[in-house]
Amino acid sequence: DRRIPQSRVRELASQAGMSATPPLAQPRIDTYQNARRAKYSYSNVRDESLEALMTWVRLMLEEFPGAWVHEIEIKPSGNAWQLEVVFARWEQTST
């Protein structure tokens, strides 16, 4: 199983300087012949530091080879920033 482990997501958030842990990802798997596209959706990720959020996105991409940002939305929310991001990557299916 090559899914992104939540424990590692938390470690990367801490390493990025985020004050809160991102919520659990909601994975979606689309299968195409011998491969699958896995999408990991993180909603309502909040932090006072935009730099910390963007560092977390960069660290996630570095940590999980082949991953890319499929969708991203960043907006101010009170005294913090709110991030909605979907990471995706192709994975081989088990044979």
C-alpha atoms as a PDB file:
ATOM      1  CA  ASP A   1       0.000   0.000   0.000  1.00  0.00           C
ATOM      2  CA  ARG A   2       1.529   3.285  -1.112  1.00  0.00           C
ATOM      3  CA  ARG A   3      -1.016   5.585   0.499  1.00  0.00           C
ATOM      4  CA  ILE A   4       0.283   8.696   2.183  1.00  0.00           C
ATOM      5  CA  PRO A   5       0.528   7.851   5.919  1.00  0.00           C
ATOM      6  CA  GLN A   6      -1.241  10.344   8.181  1.00  0.00           C
ATOM      7  CA  SER A   7       1.585  10.123  10.737  1.00  0.00           C
ATOM      8  CA  ARG A   8       4.056  11.397   8.119  1.00  0.00           C
ATOM      9  CA  VAL A   9       1.640  14.177   7.087  1.00  0.00           C
ATOM     10  CA  ARG A  10       1.589  15.344  10.734  1.00  0.00           C
ATOM     11  CA  GLU A  11       5.398  15.249  10.942  1.00  0.00           C
ATOM     12  CA  LEU A  12       5.724  17.330   7.777  1.00  0.00           C
ATOM     13  CA  ALA A  13       3.196  19.874   9.079  1.00  0.00           C
ATOM     14  CA  SER A  14       5.230  20.227  12.258  1.00  0.00           C
ATOM     15  CA  GLN A  15       8.460  20.504  10.262  1.00  0.00           C
ATOM     16  CA  ALA A  16       6.854  23.255   8.135  1.00  0.00           C
ATOM     17  CA  GLY A  17       6.043  25.234  11.284  1.00  0.00           C
ATOM     18  CA  MET A  18       2.283  24.767  11.206  1.00  0.00           C
ATOM     19  CA  SER A  19       0.518  25.200  14.526  1.00  0.00           C
ATOM     20  CA  ALA A  20      -2.260  22.689  13.783  1.00  0.00           C
ATOM     21  CA  THR A  21      -2.329  19.226  12.233  1.00  0.00           C
ATOM     22  CA  PRO A  22      -4.005  18.961   8.820  1.00  0.00           C
ATOM     23  CA  PRO A  23      -7.263  16.997   8.920  1.00  0.00           C
ATOM     24  CA  LEU A  24      -7.287  13.408   7.687  1.00  0.00           C
ATOM     25  CA  ALA A  25      -7.135  13.170   3.891  1.00  0.00           C
ATOM     26  CA  GLN A  26     -10.062  11.820   1.958  1.00  0.00           C
ATOM     27  CA  PRO A  27      -8.454   9.582  -0.714  1.00  0.00           C
ATOM     28  CA  ARG A  28     -10.141   8.934  -4.026  1.00  0.00           C
ATOM     29  CA  ILE A  29      -8.851   6.206  -6.321  1.00  0.00           C
ATOM     30  CA  ASP A  30      -9.539   6.133 -10.073  1.00  0.00           C
ATOM     31  CA  THR A  31      -8.389   2.958 -11.858  1.00  0.00           C
ATOM     32  CA  TYR A  32      -7.114   2.895 -15.446  1.00  0.00           C
ATOM     33  CA  GLN A  33      -5.990  -0.522 -16.766  1.00  0.00           C
ATOM     34  CA  ASN A  34      -2.815  -1.423 -14.760  1.00  0.00           C
ATOM     35  CA  ALA A  35      -2.530   1.872 -12.908  1.00  0.00           C
ATOM     36  CA  ARG A  36      -4.546   4.010 -10.596  1.00  0.00           C
ATOM     37  CA  ARG A  37      -4.608   7.711  -9.914  1.00  0.00           C
ATOM     38  CA  ALA A  38      -4.808   8.386  -6.217  1.00  0.00           C
ATOM     39  CA  LYS A  39      -6.035  11.802  -5.108  1.00  0.00           C
ATOM     40  CA  TYR A  40      -5.636  12.953  -1.509  1.00  0.00           C
ATOM     41  CA  SER A  41      -7.917  15.833  -0.601  1.00  0.00           C
ATOM     42  CA  TYR A  42      -7.081  18.025   2.397  1.00  0.00           C
ATOM     43  CA  SER A  43      -9.861  20.453   3.297  1.00  0.00           C
ATOM     44  CA  ASN A  44      -9.971  23.288   5.791  1.00  0.00           C
ATOM     45  CA  VAL A  45      -6.217  23.257   6.532  1.00  0.00           C
ATOM     46  CA  ARG A  46      -5.670  26.417   8.602  1.00  0.00           C
ATOM     47  CA  ASP A  47      -2.672  28.300   9.886  1.00  0.00           C
ATOM     48  CA  GLU A  48      -1.786  31.882  10.740  1.00  0.00           C
ATOM     49  CA  SER A  49       1.303  31.596   8.540  1.00  0.00           C
ATOM     50  CA  LEU A  50       0.861  31.410   4.786  1.00  0.00           C
ATOM     51  CA  GLU A  51       4.559  30.549   4.549  1.00  0.00           C
ATOM     52  CA  ALA A  52       4.071  27.500   6.805  1.00  0.00           C
ATOM     53  CA  LEU A  53       1.167  26.261   4.657  1.00  0.00           C
ATOM     54  CA  MET A  54       3.142  26.637   1.449  1.00  0.00           C
ATOM     55  CA  THR A  55       6.185  24.968   3.030  1.00  0.00           C
ATOM     56  CA  TRP A  56       3.970  22.015   4.004  1.00  0.00           C
ATOM     57  CA  VAL A  57       2.741  21.710   0.393  1.00  0.00           C
ATOM     58  CA  ARG A  58       6.360  21.738  -0.848  1.00  0.00           C
ATOM     59  CA  LEU A  59       7.432  19.139   1.743  1.00  0.00           C
ATOM     60  CA  MET A  60       4.519  16.879   0.785  1.00  0.00           C
ATOM     61  CA  LEU A  61       5.602  17.010  -2.866  1.00  0.00           C
ATOM     62  CA  GLU A  62       9.220  16.265  -1.932  1.00  0.00           C
ATOM     63  CA  GLU A  63       8.276  13.394   0.389  1.00  0.00           C
ATOM     64  CA  PHE A  64       5.975  11.520  -2.001  1.00  0.00           C
ATOM     65  CA  PRO A  65       7.641  10.898  -5.394  1.00  0.00           C
ATOM     66  CA  GLY A  66       5.443  11.444  -8.406  1.00  0.00           C
ATOM     67  CA  ALA A  67       2.902  13.543  -6.507  1.00  0.00           C
ATOM     68  CA  TRP A  68       1.620  16.803  -7.905  1.00  0.00           C
ATOM     69  CA  VAL A  69      -0.851  19.471  -6.828  1.00  0.00           C
ATOM     70  CA  HIS A  70      -4.080  18.641  -8.645  1.00  0.00           C
ATOM     71  CA  GLU A  71      -6.088  21.516  -7.119  1.00  0.00           C
ATOM     72  CA  ILE A  72      -5.298  24.299  -4.669  1.00  0.00           C
ATOM     73  CA  GLU A  73      -7.226  27.179  -3.137  1.00  0.00           C
ATOM     74  CA  ILE A  74      -5.892  29.586  -0.523  1.00  0.00           C
ATOM     75  CA  LYS A  75      -7.964  32.298   1.103  1.00  0.00           C
ATOM     76  CA  PRO A  76      -7.820  34.502   4.185  1.00  0.00           C
ATOM     77  CA  SER A  77     -10.068  33.431   7.048  1.00  0.00           C
ATOM     78  CA  GLY A  78     -10.162  35.765  10.027  1.00  0.00           C
ATOM     79  CA  ASN A  79      -6.614  36.066  11.350  1.00  0.00           C
ATOM     80  CA  ALA A  80      -5.483  32.895   9.559  1.00  0.00           C
ATOM     81  CA  TRP A  81      -5.226  31.362   6.103  1.00  0.00           C
ATOM     82  CA  GLN A  82      -7.373  28.498   4.870  1.00  0.00           C
ATOM     83  CA  LEU A  83      -5.967  25.979   2.395  1.00  0.00           C
ATOM     84  CA  GLU A  84      -7.832  23.440   0.289  1.00  0.00           C
ATOM     85  CA  VAL A  85      -5.426  21.190  -1.599  1.00  0.00           C
ATOM     86  CA  VAL A  86      -5.653  17.959  -3.570  1.00  0.00           C
ATOM     87  CA  PHE A  87      -2.449  16.001  -4.144  1.00  0.00           C
ATOM     88  CA  ALA A  88      -2.466  13.318  -6.841  1.00  0.00           C
ATOM     89  CA  ARG A  89      -0.108  10.661  -8.113  1.00  0.00           C
ATOM     90  CA  TRP A  90      -0.145   7.612 -10.353  1.00  0.00           C
ATOM     91  CA  GLU A  91       0.347   4.256  -8.642  1.00  0.00           C
ATOM     92  CA  GLN A  92       0.669   0.729  -9.993  1.00  0.00           C
ATOM     93  CA  THR A  93      -2.165  -1.608  -9.173  1.00  0.00           C
ATOM     94  CA  SER A  94      -1.386  -4.882  -7.426  1.00  0.00           C
ATOM     95  CA  THR A  95      -1.217  -7.899  -9.686  1.00  0.00           C
END
